[in-house]
């Protein structure tokens, strides 16, 4: 039996080594179900061919383009309308400033021309009827000057509007 002793001890060593290998493999394999779930690839997004994507983009652009063009033209016409209104208000401002300036100058001129000395009944030796007629004529002259200025300003404004509308028509062509 002495000859079988080393074979038995070698077999026992092999069995111990095999047990150790099985326990190591068991530890390594025990986590496989979790690893399989973790490593399993899931398709979260659907992959679409580039041609389909470009066709969808073109379709969307074709749908949205007319609405965008319409909104832009509406905004542009509104801006033109506001610009015309601004020009109109500027012209009116100039007109009212001119009116106010001519009114002040005529008041200053009238007060210096028709001021009567405190003791005298007449300013320049003219009778009262003549002075009143002169005053009326001066007022009529001032009114006519104002009307001329107003018409000139309106003419300039119409000219500006005509130039703008012509520029707008040229821009559309």
Protein backbone atom coordinates (compact mmCIF):
# COMPACT_ATOMS: atom_id res chain seq x y z
CA UNK A 1 0.00 0.00 0.00
CA UNK A 2 2.85 2.13 0.31
CA UNK A 3 2.89 2.64 -3.40
CA UNK A 4 -0.68 3.89 -3.48
CA UNK A 5 -0.10 6.51 -0.75
CA UNK A 6 1.47 9.14 -2.94
CA UNK A 7 -1.27 8.60 -5.58
CA UNK A 8 -4.01 9.02 -2.94
CA UNK A 9 -2.41 12.18 -1.57
CA UNK A 10 -2.03 13.50 -5.09
CA UNK A 11 -5.70 12.67 -5.76
CA UNK A 12 -6.73 14.45 -2.54
CA UNK A 13 -4.70 17.48 -3.53
CA UNK A 14 -6.36 17.42 -6.95
CA UNK A 15 -9.81 17.18 -5.31
CA UNK A 16 -9.00 20.12 -3.03
CA UNK A 17 -7.81 22.10 -6.02
CA UNK A 18 -10.98 21.10 -7.91
CA UNK A 19 -13.17 22.19 -4.96
CA UNK A 20 -11.31 25.48 -4.79
CA UNK A 21 -11.77 25.98 -8.56
CA UNK A 22 -15.51 25.14 -8.29
CA UNK A 23 -16.01 27.67 -5.46
CA UNK A 24 -14.14 30.34 -7.44
CA UNK A 25 -16.23 29.59 -10.54
CA UNK A 26 -19.41 29.59 -8.43
CA UNK A 27 -18.57 33.04 -7.06
CA UNK A 28 -17.85 34.31 -10.56
CA UNK A 29 -20.96 32.81 -12.12
CA UNK A 30 -23.37 33.70 -9.31
CA UNK A 31 -23.54 37.33 -10.58
CA UNK A 32 -24.29 36.33 -14.19
CA UNK A 33 -28.07 36.97 -14.09
CA UNK A 34 -27.50 40.53 -12.86
CA UNK A 35 -24.68 41.07 -15.34
CA UNK A 36 -26.82 39.72 -18.15
CA UNK A 37 -29.57 42.25 -17.27
CA UNK A 38 -27.06 45.10 -16.96
CA UNK A 39 -25.24 44.29 -20.16
CA UNK A 40 -28.37 43.59 -22.14
CA UNK A 41 -28.75 46.32 -24.78
CA UNK A 42 -32.06 48.04 -24.97
CA UNK A 43 -33.08 50.12 -27.93
CA UNK A 44 -34.30 53.38 -26.44
CA UNK A 45 -34.51 55.29 -29.69
CA UNK A 46 -35.60 54.10 -33.04
CA UNK A 47 -32.98 54.64 -35.68
CA UNK A 48 -34.35 56.28 -38.80
CA UNK A 49 -32.63 56.36 -42.17
CA UNK A 50 -31.24 59.75 -43.21
CA UNK A 51 -33.46 59.92 -46.30
CA UNK A 52 -36.60 59.56 -44.17
CA UNK A 53 -35.32 62.26 -41.83
CA UNK A 54 -34.59 64.68 -44.71
CA UNK A 55 -38.01 64.02 -46.23
CA UNK A 56 -39.68 64.80 -42.90
CA UNK A 57 -37.66 68.01 -42.56
CA UNK A 58 -38.61 69.10 -46.08
CA UNK A 59 -42.26 68.33 -45.42
CA UNK A 60 -42.18 70.38 -42.23
CA UNK A 61 -40.44 73.26 -44.01
CA UNK A 62 -43.06 73.16 -46.79
CA UNK A 63 -45.82 73.30 -44.20
CA UNK A 64 -44.36 76.13 -42.14
CA UNK A 65 -42.92 78.29 -44.93
CA UNK A 66 -46.21 79.89 -46.11
CA UNK A 67 -47.22 80.74 -42.55
CA UNK A 68 -43.84 82.34 -41.87
CA UNK A 69 -44.00 84.33 -45.12
CA UNK A 70 -47.50 85.53 -44.28
CA UNK A 71 -46.43 86.57 -40.77
CA UNK A 72 -43.40 88.41 -42.15
CA UNK A 73 -45.50 90.30 -44.71
CA UNK A 74 -48.03 91.21 -42.02
CA UNK A 75 -45.26 92.47 -39.76
CA UNK A 76 -43.69 94.42 -42.62
CA UNK A 77 -46.97 96.08 -43.58
CA UNK A 78 -47.59 96.93 -39.93
CA UNK A 79 -44.11 98.48 -39.69
CA UNK A 80 -44.77 100.49 -42.86
CA UNK A 81 -48.07 101.65 -41.43
CA UNK A 82 -46.33 102.71 -38.21
CA UNK A 83 -43.66 104.54 -40.22
CA UNK A 84 -46.34 106.43 -42.16
CA UNK A 85 -48.09 107.27 -38.90
CA UNK A 86 -44.79 108.50 -37.46
CA UNK A 87 -44.22 110.70 -40.53
CA UNK A 88 -47.75 112.02 -40.22
CA UNK A 89 -47.23 112.84 -36.56
CA UNK A 90 -43.90 114.54 -37.33
CA UNK A 91 -45.53 116.62 -40.05
CA UNK A 92 -48.36 117.53 -37.71
CA UNK A 93 -45.83 118.46 -35.05
CA UNK A 94 -43.99 120.69 -37.51
CA UNK A 95 -47.28 122.19 -38.60
CA UNK A 96 -48.37 122.90 -35.04
CA UNK A 97 -44.94 124.32 -34.20
CA UNK A 98 -45.19 126.57 -37.23
CA UNK A 99 -48.68 127.60 -36.24
CA UNK A 100 -47.55 128.31 -32.68
CA UNK A 101 -44.51 130.24 -33.92
CA UNK A 102 -46.53 132.35 -36.35
CA UNK A 103 -49.16 132.95 -33.70
CA UNK A 104 -46.53 134.13 -31.21
CA UNK A 105 -44.84 136.34 -33.79
CA UNK A 106 -48.16 137.85 -34.85
CA UNK A 107 -49.09 138.45 -31.20
CA UNK A 108 -45.76 140.15 -30.59
CA UNK A 109 -46.11 142.17 -33.79
CA UNK A 110 -49.70 143.13 -33.02
CA UNK A 111 -48.97 144.07 -29.46
CA UNK A 112 -46.10 146.32 -30.53
CA UNK A 113 -48.00 147.78 -33.52
CA UNK A 114 -51.35 148.36 -31.92
CA UNK A 115 -50.32 149.21 -28.40
CA UNK A 116 -51.95 152.37 -27.36
CA UNK A 117 -50.31 154.73 -24.98
CA UNK A 118 -52.17 154.85 -21.72
CA UNK A 119 -53.35 158.41 -22.18
CA UNK A 120 -53.99 158.40 -25.93
CA UNK A 121 -57.11 157.17 -27.69
CA UNK A 122 -55.29 156.24 -30.93
CA UNK A 123 -52.09 154.26 -31.58
CA UNK A 124 -50.89 155.72 -34.83
CA UNK A 125 -53.25 158.52 -35.51
CA UNK A 126 -55.70 156.30 -37.43
CA UNK A 127 -59.37 156.28 -36.53
CA UNK A 128 -60.67 153.23 -34.62
CA UNK A 129 -62.47 151.79 -37.67
CA UNK A 130 -59.29 151.93 -39.72
CA UNK A 131 -57.31 150.31 -36.89
CA UNK A 132 -59.88 147.49 -36.63
CA UNK A 133 -59.80 146.97 -40.38
CA UNK A 134 -55.99 146.85 -40.31
CA UNK A 135 -56.15 144.35 -37.48
CA UNK A 136 -58.62 142.15 -39.41
CA UNK A 137 -56.50 142.32 -42.55
CA UNK A 138 -53.40 141.39 -40.55
CA UNK A 139 -55.25 138.42 -39.02
CA UNK A 140 -56.47 137.33 -42.45
CA UNK A 141 -52.91 137.60 -43.78
CA UNK A 142 -51.63 135.45 -40.88
CA UNK A 143 -54.36 132.88 -41.51
CA UNK A 144 -53.49 132.70 -45.19
CA UNK A 145 -49.78 132.30 -44.39
CA UNK A 146 -50.64 129.53 -42.01
CA UNK A 147 -52.83 127.82 -44.61
CA UNK A 148 -50.00 128.05 -47.16
CA UNK A 149 -47.52 126.54 -44.70
CA UNK A 150 -49.97 123.75 -43.85
CA UNK A 151 -50.55 122.95 -47.52
CA UNK A 152 -46.81 122.93 -48.20
CA UNK A 153 -46.23 120.52 -45.30
CA UNK A 154 -49.08 118.30 -46.48
CA UNK A 155 -47.61 118.30 -49.99
CA UNK A 156 -44.20 117.28 -48.62
CA UNK A 157 -45.84 114.52 -46.58
CA UNK A 158 -47.73 113.19 -49.62
CA UNK A 159 -44.46 113.27 -51.56
CA UNK A 160 -42.71 111.19 -48.87
CA UNK A 161 -45.57 108.69 -48.80
CA UNK A 162 -45.50 108.40 -52.59
CA UNK A 163 -41.72 107.81 -52.55
CA UNK A 164 -42.12 105.15 -49.86
CA UNK A 165 -44.87 103.36 -51.73
CA UNK A 166 -42.80 103.46 -54.93
CA UNK A 167 -39.79 102.08 -53.03
CA UNK A 168 -42.01 99.37 -51.54
CA UNK A 169 -43.33 98.40 -54.99
CA UNK A 170 -39.75 98.29 -56.37
CA UNK A 171 -38.63 96.13 -53.42
CA UNK A 172 -41.40 93.60 -54.12
CA UNK A 173 -40.38 93.26 -57.79
